Amino acid sequence: MARLTPEQIEHLKAQGAQKRATRHAKKLAQLPQVVPSDPIPEGWKKRVLEAGEYFERLFYQEQKPSKERIEQAKLLFMPELTREVRYQAYRRCFHEYETLIFYAWGIPELHEEAYTFWNEVLVPSDAPFSGNSIIRILGYRPKENLFRILSHHKDKFFKEKSFGAIIEMVVLQNLNQPGPLDYHTNQYGRWTEEEKDILERIRQLF
């Protein structure tokens, strides 16, 4: 039997390697495909929506939320999950979170959770925000954390045409009023000295 040349040996080796690679690819194709799990739990948008609507009803009925509903709402701000997951949830449920953040802002037991979540998810350059939400909060007992939000993300807000001018106009309008408008009585309350200071510092930002 004639001896194989070195070139023939290398050719046979290459053929064998190709056959093994083909068999391996076929085996992999037959394995169950692992689909990456969605980090946002199923039905999350509905849960955020229902929580926002619940706090909205209580606001207009002048009622306080139960401790159970407060604890449930805290979980909607995903304190135990990663920043990336929280941001994905915010993007996917933007309008639902807009409502929840607004009403949670005025509930002492939820305020810090709402602020921490909102401040964090606004960080990415493509993070959406609603100027309407900020303007509503300006007339809804402005807090130190609103000043922090506006100062931390000032560059983002300036990208929206005329937003700074609108903020300044709203703040000046608020300062010319004796206090926040009470939606239940349609009368103005009284700003505290701290609230006046916060409004003035916000005005100076823009």
C-alpha atoms as a PDB file:
ATOM      1  CA  MET A   1       0.000   0.000   0.000  1.00  0.00           C
ATOM      2  CA  ALA A   2       1.443   3.316  -1.053  1.00  0.00           C
ATOM      3  CA  ARG A   3       2.398   5.636   1.751  1.00  0.00           C
ATOM      4  CA  LEU A   4       0.448   8.859   2.028  1.00  0.00           C
ATOM      5  CA  THR A   5       2.211  12.083   1.360  1.00  0.00           C
ATOM      6  CA  PRO A   6       2.328  14.745   4.102  1.00  0.00           C
ATOM      7  CA  GLU A   7      -0.148  16.813   2.085  1.00  0.00           C
ATOM      8  CA  GLN A   8      -2.604  13.887   1.932  1.00  0.00           C
ATOM      9  CA  ILE A   9      -2.287  13.305   5.673  1.00  0.00           C
ATOM     10  CA  GLU A  10      -3.059  16.945   6.397  1.00  0.00           C
ATOM     11  CA  HIS A  11      -6.013  16.788   4.008  1.00  0.00           C
ATOM     12  CA  LEU A  12      -7.458  13.745   5.807  1.00  0.00           C
ATOM     13  CA  LYS A  13      -6.957  15.436   9.183  1.00  0.00           C
ATOM     14  CA  ALA A  14      -8.833  18.500   7.937  1.00  0.00           C
ATOM     15  CA  GLN A  15     -11.676  16.304   6.665  1.00  0.00           C
ATOM     16  CA  GLY A  16     -11.905  14.554  10.027  1.00  0.00           C
ATOM     17  CA  ALA A  17     -11.963  17.854  11.901  1.00  0.00           C
ATOM     18  CA  GLN A  18     -14.702  19.149   9.601  1.00  0.00           C
ATOM     19  CA  LYS A  19     -16.830  16.024  10.180  1.00  0.00           C
ATOM     20  CA  ARG A  20     -16.410  16.303  13.960  1.00  0.00           C
ATOM     21  CA  ALA A  21     -17.370  19.992  13.861  1.00  0.00           C
ATOM     22  CA  THR A  22     -20.466  19.184  11.797  1.00  0.00           C
ATOM     23  CA  ARG A  23     -21.558  16.425  14.214  1.00  0.00           C
ATOM     24  CA  HIS A  24     -21.008  18.792  17.173  1.00  0.00           C
ATOM     25  CA  ALA A  25     -23.095  21.523  15.526  1.00  0.00           C
ATOM     26  CA  LYS A  26     -25.926  19.052  14.907  1.00  0.00           C
ATOM     27  CA  LYS A  27     -25.879  17.985  18.551  1.00  0.00           C
ATOM     28  CA  LEU A  28     -26.014  21.612  19.719  1.00  0.00           C
ATOM     29  CA  ALA A  29     -28.936  22.290  17.381  1.00  0.00           C
ATOM     30  CA  GLN A  30     -30.880  19.431  18.978  1.00  0.00           C
ATOM     31  CA  LEU A  31     -30.416  20.776  22.506  1.00  0.00           C
ATOM     32  CA  PRO A  32     -33.247  22.859  24.056  1.00  0.00           C
ATOM     33  CA  GLN A  33     -32.676  26.525  23.323  1.00  0.00           C
ATOM     34  CA  VAL A  34     -32.273  28.676  26.431  1.00  0.00           C
ATOM     35  CA  VAL A  35     -34.305  31.860  26.071  1.00  0.00           C
ATOM     36  CA  PRO A  36     -33.061  34.715  28.275  1.00  0.00           C
ATOM     37  CA  SER A  37     -35.664  35.392  30.938  1.00  0.00           C
ATOM     38  CA  ASP A  38     -37.350  38.786  31.014  1.00  0.00           C
ATOM     39  CA  PRO A  39     -36.103  40.652  34.105  1.00  0.00           C
ATOM     40  CA  ILE A  40     -39.408  42.555  34.315  1.00  0.00           C
ATOM     41  CA  PRO A  41     -42.026  40.312  35.970  1.00  0.00           C
ATOM     42  CA  GLU A  42     -45.129  39.512  33.976  1.00  0.00           C
ATOM     43  CA  GLY A  43     -47.959  41.947  34.615  1.00  0.00           C
ATOM     44  CA  TRP A  44     -45.613  44.618  36.000  1.00  0.00           C
ATOM     45  CA  LYS A  45     -47.129  47.467  33.980  1.00  0.00           C
ATOM     46  CA  LYS A  46     -50.587  46.599  35.304  1.00  0.00           C
ATOM     47  CA  ARG A  47     -49.319  46.553  38.899  1.00  0.00           C
ATOM     48  CA  VAL A  48     -47.675  49.975  38.567  1.00  0.00           C
ATOM     49  CA  LEU A  49     -50.801  51.358  36.873  1.00  0.00           C
ATOM     50  CA  GLU A  50     -53.121  50.051  39.596  1.00  0.00           C
ATOM     51  CA  ALA A  51     -50.901  51.450  42.356  1.00  0.00           C
ATOM     52  CA  GLY A  52     -50.833  54.897  40.744  1.00  0.00           C
ATOM     53  CA  GLU A  53     -54.592  54.887  40.282  1.00  0.00           C
ATOM     54  CA  TYR A  54     -55.082  53.757  43.880  1.00  0.00           C
ATOM     55  CA  PHE A  55     -53.027  56.647  45.302  1.00  0.00           C
ATOM     56  CA  GLU A  56     -54.714  59.072  42.912  1.00  0.00           C
ATOM     57  CA  ARG A  57     -58.165  58.066  44.218  1.00  0.00           C
ATOM     58  CA  LEU A  58     -57.025  58.473  47.814  1.00  0.00           C
ATOM     59  CA  PHE A  59     -55.579  61.895  47.040  1.00  0.00           C
ATOM     60  CA  TYR A  60     -58.892  63.231  45.735  1.00  0.00           C
ATOM     61  CA  GLN A  61     -60.833  61.481  48.511  1.00  0.00           C
ATOM     62  CA  GLU A  62     -58.436  62.913  51.135  1.00  0.00           C
ATOM     63  CA  GLN A  63     -57.761  59.464  52.546  1.00  0.00           C
ATOM     64  CA  LYS A  64     -54.545  57.832  53.717  1.00  0.00           C
ATOM     65  CA  PRO A  65     -53.226  54.615  52.183  1.00  0.00           C
ATOM     66  CA  SER A  66     -53.049  51.422  54.198  1.00  0.00           C
ATOM     67  CA  LYS A  67     -49.673  50.180  55.445  1.00  0.00           C
ATOM     68  CA  GLU A  68     -50.055  47.110  53.258  1.00  0.00           C
ATOM     69  CA  ARG A  69     -50.495  49.166  50.081  1.00  0.00           C
ATOM     70  CA  ILE A  70     -47.535  51.353  51.029  1.00  0.00           C
ATOM     71  CA  GLU A  71     -45.289  48.309  51.417  1.00  0.00           C
ATOM     72  CA  GLN A  72     -46.534  46.939  48.091  1.00  0.00           C
ATOM     73  CA  ALA A  73     -45.768  50.270  46.404  1.00  0.00           C
ATOM     74  CA  LYS A  74     -42.229  50.286  47.792  1.00  0.00           C
ATOM     75  CA  LEU A  75     -41.570  47.030  45.962  1.00  0.00           C
ATOM     76  CA  LEU A  76     -42.677  48.636  42.688  1.00  0.00           C
ATOM     77  CA  PHE A  77     -39.620  50.888  42.912  1.00  0.00           C
ATOM     78  CA  MET A  78     -37.500  47.693  42.811  1.00  0.00           C
ATOM     79  CA  PRO A  79     -35.073  48.536  45.647  1.00  0.00           C
ATOM     80  CA  GLU A  80     -33.478  45.074  45.601  1.00  0.00           C
ATOM     81  CA  LEU A  81     -32.891  44.861  41.841  1.00  0.00           C
ATOM     82  CA  THR A  82     -30.110  46.233  39.672  1.00  0.00           C
ATOM     83  CA  ARG A  83     -30.020  49.728  38.215  1.00  0.00           C
ATOM     84  CA  GLU A  84     -30.346  48.263  34.710  1.00  0.00           C
ATOM     85  CA  VAL A  85     -33.530  46.363  35.592  1.00  0.00           C
ATOM     86  CA  ARG A  86     -35.048  49.437  37.231  1.00  0.00           C
ATOM     87  CA  TYR A  87     -34.264  51.471  34.125  1.00  0.00           C
ATOM     88  CA  GLN A  88     -35.811  48.855  31.843  1.00  0.00           C
ATOM     89  CA  ALA A  89     -38.955  48.868  33.968  1.00  0.00           C
ATOM     90  CA  TYR A  90     -39.094  52.679  33.872  1.00  0.00           C
ATOM     91  CA  ARG A  91     -38.759  52.735  30.080  1.00  0.00           C
ATOM     92  CA  ARG A  92     -41.371  50.039  29.597  1.00  0.00           C
ATOM     93  CA  CYS A  93     -43.857  51.515  32.101  1.00  0.00           C
ATOM     94  CA  PHE A  94     -43.024  55.195  31.644  1.00  0.00           C
ATOM     95  CA  HIS A  95     -46.533  56.674  31.897  1.00  0.00           C
ATOM     96  CA  GLU A  96     -47.500  54.327  34.732  1.00  0.00           C
ATOM     97  CA  TYR A  97     -44.433  55.322  36.743  1.00  0.00           C
ATOM     98  CA  GLU A  98     -45.102  58.976  35.984  1.00  0.00           C
ATOM     99  CA  THR A  99     -48.417  58.736  37.846  1.00  0.00           C
ATOM    100  CA  LEU A 100     -47.035  56.588  40.667  1.00  0.00           C
ATOM    101  CA  ILE A 101     -44.064  58.891  41.299  1.00  0.00           C
ATOM    102  CA  PHE A 102     -46.282  61.973  41.390  1.00  0.00           C
ATOM    103  CA  TYR A 103     -48.638  60.642  44.059  1.00  0.00           C
ATOM    104  CA  ALA A 104     -45.930  58.799  46.006  1.00  0.00           C
ATOM    105  CA  TRP A 105     -44.012  62.097  46.153  1.00  0.00           C
ATOM    106  CA  GLY A 106     -46.564  63.511  48.582  1.00  0.00           C
ATOM    107  CA  ILE A 107     -46.760  60.427  50.828  1.00  0.00           C
ATOM    108  CA  PRO A 108     -44.108  60.613  53.587  1.00  0.00           C
ATOM    109  CA  GLU A 109     -43.699  56.828  53.751  1.00  0.00           C
ATOM    110  CA  LEU A 110     -43.041  56.629  49.991  1.00  0.00           C
ATOM    111  CA  HIS A 111     -41.316  59.902  49.189  1.00  0.00           C
ATOM    112  CA  GLU A 112     -37.709  58.706  49.523  1.00  0.00           C
ATOM    113  CA  GLU A 113     -38.376  55.567  47.495  1.00  0.00           C
ATOM    114  CA  ALA A 114     -39.966  57.616  44.707  1.00  0.00           C
ATOM    115  CA  TYR A 115     -37.084  60.111  44.728  1.00  0.00           C
ATOM    116  CA  THR A 116     -34.340  57.455  44.750  1.00  0.00           C
ATOM    117  CA  PHE A 117     -35.939  55.554  41.870  1.00  0.00           C
ATOM    118  CA  TRP A 118     -36.625  58.651  39.762  1.00  0.00           C
ATOM    119  CA  ASN A 119     -33.212  60.196  40.358  1.00  0.00           C
ATOM    120  CA  GLU A 120     -31.490  56.985  39.304  1.00  0.00           C
ATOM    121  CA  VAL A 121     -33.498  56.128  36.187  1.00  0.00           C
ATOM    122  CA  LEU A 122     -32.979  59.643  34.814  1.00  0.00           C
ATOM    123  CA  VAL A 123     -29.208  59.086  34.616  1.00  0.00           C
ATOM    124  CA  PRO A 124     -28.936  57.401  31.157  1.00  0.00           C
ATOM    125  CA  SER A 125     -28.669  59.920  28.335  1.00  0.00           C
ATOM    126  CA  ASP A 126     -31.723  58.481  26.562  1.00  0.00           C
ATOM    127  CA  ALA A 127     -33.914  58.358  29.681  1.00  0.00           C
ATOM    128  CA  PRO A 128     -37.296  59.966  28.976  1.00  0.00           C
ATOM    129  CA  PHE A 129     -38.889  62.458  31.328  1.00  0.00           C
ATOM    130  CA  SER A 130     -42.085  64.435  31.458  1.00  0.00           C
ATOM    131  CA  GLY A 131     -41.908  68.158  31.987  1.00  0.00           C
ATOM    132  CA  ASN A 132     -45.543  68.010  33.030  1.00  0.00           C
ATOM    133  CA  SER A 133     -44.623  65.797  35.995  1.00  0.00           C
ATOM    134  CA  ILE A 134     -42.028  68.280  37.235  1.00  0.00           C
ATOM    135  CA  ILE A 135     -44.353  71.245  36.833  1.00  0.00           C
ATOM    136  CA  ARG A 136     -47.114  69.437  38.753  1.00  0.00           C
ATOM    137  CA  ILE A 137     -44.724  68.602  41.583  1.00  0.00           C
ATOM    138  CA  LEU A 138     -43.542  72.232  41.713  1.00  0.00           C
ATOM    139  CA  GLY A 139     -47.050  73.227  42.771  1.00  0.00           C
ATOM    140  CA  TYR A 140     -47.492  70.209  45.020  1.00  0.00           C
ATOM    141  CA  ARG A 141     -45.439  70.987  48.092  1.00  0.00           C
ATOM    142  CA  PRO A 142     -41.939  71.271  46.549  1.00  0.00           C
ATOM    143  CA  LYS A 143     -39.352  69.369  48.577  1.00  0.00           C
ATOM    144  CA  GLU A 144     -35.576  69.418  48.791  1.00  0.00           C
ATOM    145  CA  ASN A 145     -35.449  66.295  46.659  1.00  0.00           C
ATOM    146  CA  LEU A 146     -37.089  68.131  43.762  1.00  0.00           C
ATOM    147  CA  PHE A 147     -34.247  70.640  43.856  1.00  0.00           C
ATOM    148  CA  ARG A 148     -31.817  67.705  43.816  1.00  0.00           C
ATOM    149  CA  ILE A 149     -33.557  66.144  40.819  1.00  0.00           C
ATOM    150  CA  LEU A 150     -33.458  69.385  38.843  1.00  0.00           C
ATOM    151  CA  SER A 151     -29.857  70.191  39.756  1.00  0.00           C
ATOM    152  CA  HIS A 152     -28.522  66.646  39.182  1.00  0.00           C
ATOM    153  CA  HIS A 153     -30.144  66.400  35.740  1.00  0.00           C
ATOM    154  CA  LYS A 154     -30.027  70.025  34.696  1.00  0.00           C
ATOM    155  CA  ASP A 155     -28.209  69.284  31.423  1.00  0.00           C
ATOM    156  CA  LYS A 156     -30.884  66.757  30.454  1.00  0.00           C
ATOM    157  CA  PHE A 157     -33.711  69.210  31.096  1.00  0.00           C
ATOM    158  CA  PHE A 158     -31.996  71.953  29.099  1.00  0.00           C
ATOM    159  CA  LYS A 159     -32.092  69.728  26.017  1.00  0.00           C
ATOM    160  CA  GLU A 160     -35.853  70.182  25.866  1.00  0.00           C
ATOM    161  CA  LYS A 161     -36.534  73.453  24.097  1.00  0.00           C
ATOM    162  CA  SER A 162     -37.602  76.305  26.384  1.00  0.00           C
ATOM    163  CA  PHE A 163     -37.997  73.973  29.387  1.00  0.00           C
ATOM    164  CA  GLY A 164     -35.812  76.169  31.617  1.00  0.00           C
ATOM    165  CA  ALA A 165     -37.885  79.237  30.760  1.00  0.00           C
ATOM    166  CA  ILE A 166     -41.090  77.348  31.536  1.00  0.00           C
ATOM    167  CA  ILE A 167     -39.734  76.183  34.896  1.00  0.00           C
ATOM    168  CA  GLU A 168     -38.717  79.740  35.791  1.00  0.00           C
ATOM    169  CA  MET A 169     -42.147  81.059  34.788  1.00  0.00           C
ATOM    170  CA  VAL A 170     -43.955  78.417  36.868  1.00  0.00           C
ATOM    171  CA  VAL A 171     -41.717  79.047  39.895  1.00  0.00           C
ATOM    172  CA  LEU A 172     -42.273  82.804  39.706  1.00  0.00           C
ATOM    173  CA  GLN A 173     -45.999  82.211  39.401  1.00  0.00           C
ATOM    174  CA  ASN A 174     -45.914  79.980  42.470  1.00  0.00           C
ATOM    175  CA  LEU A 175     -43.908  82.518  44.466  1.00  0.00           C
ATOM    176  CA  ASN A 176     -46.500  85.177  43.616  1.00  0.00           C
ATOM    177  CA  GLN A 177     -49.181  82.962  45.136  1.00  0.00           C
ATOM    178  CA  PRO A 178     -49.589  82.604  48.908  1.00  0.00           C
ATOM    179  CA  GLY A 179     -49.193  78.844  48.660  1.00  0.00           C
ATOM    180  CA  PRO A 180     -50.131  75.674  46.777  1.00  0.00           C
ATOM    181  CA  LEU A 181     -53.592  75.347  45.307  1.00  0.00           C
ATOM    182  CA  ASP A 182     -55.769  72.956  47.302  1.00  0.00           C
ATOM    183  CA  TYR A 183     -57.608  70.858  44.714  1.00  0.00           C
ATOM    184  CA  HIS A 184     -60.335  69.992  47.213  1.00  0.00           C
ATOM    185  CA  THR A 185     -61.275  73.538  48.247  1.00  0.00           C
ATOM    186  CA  ASN A 186     -59.923  75.364  45.167  1.00  0.00           C
ATOM    187  CA  GLN A 187     -58.194  77.772  47.552  1.00  0.00           C
ATOM    188  CA  TYR A 188     -54.528  78.564  48.091  1.00  0.00           C
ATOM    189  CA  GLY A 189     -52.693  77.321  51.132  1.00  0.00           C
ATOM    190  CA  ARG A 190     -49.492  78.797  52.568  1.00  0.00           C
ATOM    191  CA  TRP A 191     -45.947  78.105  51.485  1.00  0.00           C
ATOM    192  CA  THR A 192     -43.590  77.377  54.331  1.00  0.00           C
ATOM    193  CA  GLU A 193     -40.345  79.346  54.484  1.00  0.00           C
ATOM    194  CA  GLU A 194     -38.503  76.169  53.501  1.00  0.00           C
ATOM    195  CA  GLU A 195     -40.722  75.732  50.434  1.00  0.00           C
ATOM    196  CA  LYS A 196     -40.183  79.342  49.399  1.00  0.00           C
ATOM    197  CA  ASP A 197     -36.431  78.819  49.695  1.00  0.00           C
ATOM    198  CA  ILE A 198     -36.598  75.661  47.583  1.00  0.00           C
ATOM    199  CA  LEU A 199     -38.626  77.419  44.884  1.00  0.00           C
ATOM    200  CA  GLU A 200     -36.180  80.325  44.803  1.00  0.00           C
ATOM    201  CA  ARG A 201     -33.162  78.003  44.499  1.00  0.00           C
ATOM    202  CA  ILE A 202     -34.890  76.103  41.684  1.00  0.00           C
ATOM    203  CA  ARG A 203     -35.547  79.392  39.872  1.00  0.00           C
ATOM    204  CA  GLN A 204     -31.871  80.280  40.103  1.00  0.00           C
ATOM    205  CA  LEU A 205     -30.892  76.958  38.494  1.00  0.00           C
ATOM    206  CA  PHE A 206     -32.390  78.071  35.217  1.00  0.00           C
END
